[in-house]
Amino acid sequence: MEVLDTTNVNAARVESNRQNMTVKTLITLCAHYHITLGELFEGIEKEV
């Protein structure tokens, strides 16, 4: 409940595909966890 309380992002709705993930949501969650978007995506390979 902490994420919802501090960010107003309902992670359970995102995880269950009842709400779309947006760039704004990603930025909000990154701020909550004190990481950058770059750190979030670090190590993810681009698939062609």
C-alpha atoms as a PDB file:
ATOM      1  CA  MET A   1       0.000   0.000   0.000  1.00  0.00           C
ATOM      2  CA  GLU A   2       2.997   2.300   0.516  1.00  0.00           C
ATOM      3  CA  VAL A   3       3.510   2.892  -3.229  1.00  0.00           C
ATOM      4  CA  LEU A   4      -0.154   3.809  -3.683  1.00  0.00           C
ATOM      5  CA  ASP A   5      -0.092   6.055  -0.618  1.00  0.00           C
ATOM      6  CA  THR A   6       3.004   7.995  -1.666  1.00  0.00           C
ATOM      7  CA  THR A   7       2.630   8.073  -5.475  1.00  0.00           C
ATOM      8  CA  ASN A   8      -1.065   7.583  -6.202  1.00  0.00           C
ATOM      9  CA  VAL A   9      -0.003   4.762  -8.571  1.00  0.00           C
ATOM     10  CA  ASN A  10      -2.001   1.579  -8.083  1.00  0.00           C
ATOM     11  CA  ALA A  11       0.703  -1.005  -8.831  1.00  0.00           C
ATOM     12  CA  ALA A  12      -1.759  -3.882  -8.513  1.00  0.00           C
ATOM     13  CA  ARG A  13      -3.870  -2.455 -11.351  1.00  0.00           C
ATOM     14  CA  VAL A  14      -0.783  -2.098 -13.561  1.00  0.00           C
ATOM     15  CA  GLU A  15       0.463  -5.602 -12.707  1.00  0.00           C
ATOM     16  CA  SER A  16      -2.926  -7.134 -13.511  1.00  0.00           C
ATOM     17  CA  ASN A  17      -3.187  -5.253 -16.835  1.00  0.00           C
ATOM     18  CA  ARG A  18      -6.213  -3.288 -15.679  1.00  0.00           C
ATOM     19  CA  GLN A  19      -4.263  -0.043 -16.123  1.00  0.00           C
ATOM     20  CA  ASN A  20      -1.690   0.844 -18.766  1.00  0.00           C
ATOM     21  CA  MET A  21       1.857   1.745 -17.832  1.00  0.00           C
ATOM     22  CA  THR A  22       2.711   5.239 -19.050  1.00  0.00           C
ATOM     23  CA  VAL A  23       5.968   7.168 -19.161  1.00  0.00           C
ATOM     24  CA  LYS A  24       4.556   9.438 -16.473  1.00  0.00           C
ATOM     25  CA  THR A  25       3.842   6.390 -14.273  1.00  0.00           C
ATOM     26  CA  LEU A  26       7.374   5.070 -14.856  1.00  0.00           C
ATOM     27  CA  ILE A  27       8.871   8.433 -13.887  1.00  0.00           C
ATOM     28  CA  THR A  28       6.713   8.556 -10.752  1.00  0.00           C
ATOM     29  CA  LEU A  29       7.720   5.032  -9.727  1.00  0.00           C
ATOM     30  CA  CYS A  30      11.396   5.708 -10.430  1.00  0.00           C
ATOM     31  CA  ALA A  31      11.237   8.793  -8.201  1.00  0.00           C
ATOM     32  CA  HIS A  32       9.587   6.710  -5.470  1.00  0.00           C
ATOM     33  CA  TYR A  33      12.370   4.106  -5.620  1.00  0.00           C
ATOM     34  CA  HIS A  34      15.113   6.765  -6.044  1.00  0.00           C
ATOM     35  CA  ILE A  35      16.334   5.509  -9.412  1.00  0.00           C
ATOM     36  CA  THR A  36      16.493   7.049 -12.879  1.00  0.00           C
ATOM     37  CA  LEU A  37      14.730   5.807 -15.994  1.00  0.00           C
ATOM     38  CA  GLY A  38      18.184   4.928 -17.316  1.00  0.00           C
ATOM     39  CA  GLU A  39      18.866   2.732 -14.295  1.00  0.00           C
ATOM     40  CA  LEU A  40      15.466   1.074 -14.681  1.00  0.00           C
ATOM     41  CA  PHE A  41      16.215   0.058 -18.264  1.00  0.00           C
ATOM     42  CA  GLU A  42      19.928  -0.631 -17.748  1.00  0.00           C
ATOM     43  CA  GLY A  43      20.929  -3.979 -19.169  1.00  0.00           C
ATOM     44  CA  ILE A  44      17.807  -4.467 -21.277  1.00  0.00           C
ATOM     45  CA  GLU A  45      18.827  -5.508 -24.750  1.00  0.00           C
ATOM     46  CA  LYS A  46      17.014  -4.143 -27.773  1.00  0.00           C
ATOM     47  CA  GLU A  47      15.263  -6.969 -29.613  1.00  0.00           C
ATOM     48  CA  VAL A  48      15.089  -6.712 -33.376  1.00  0.00           C
END
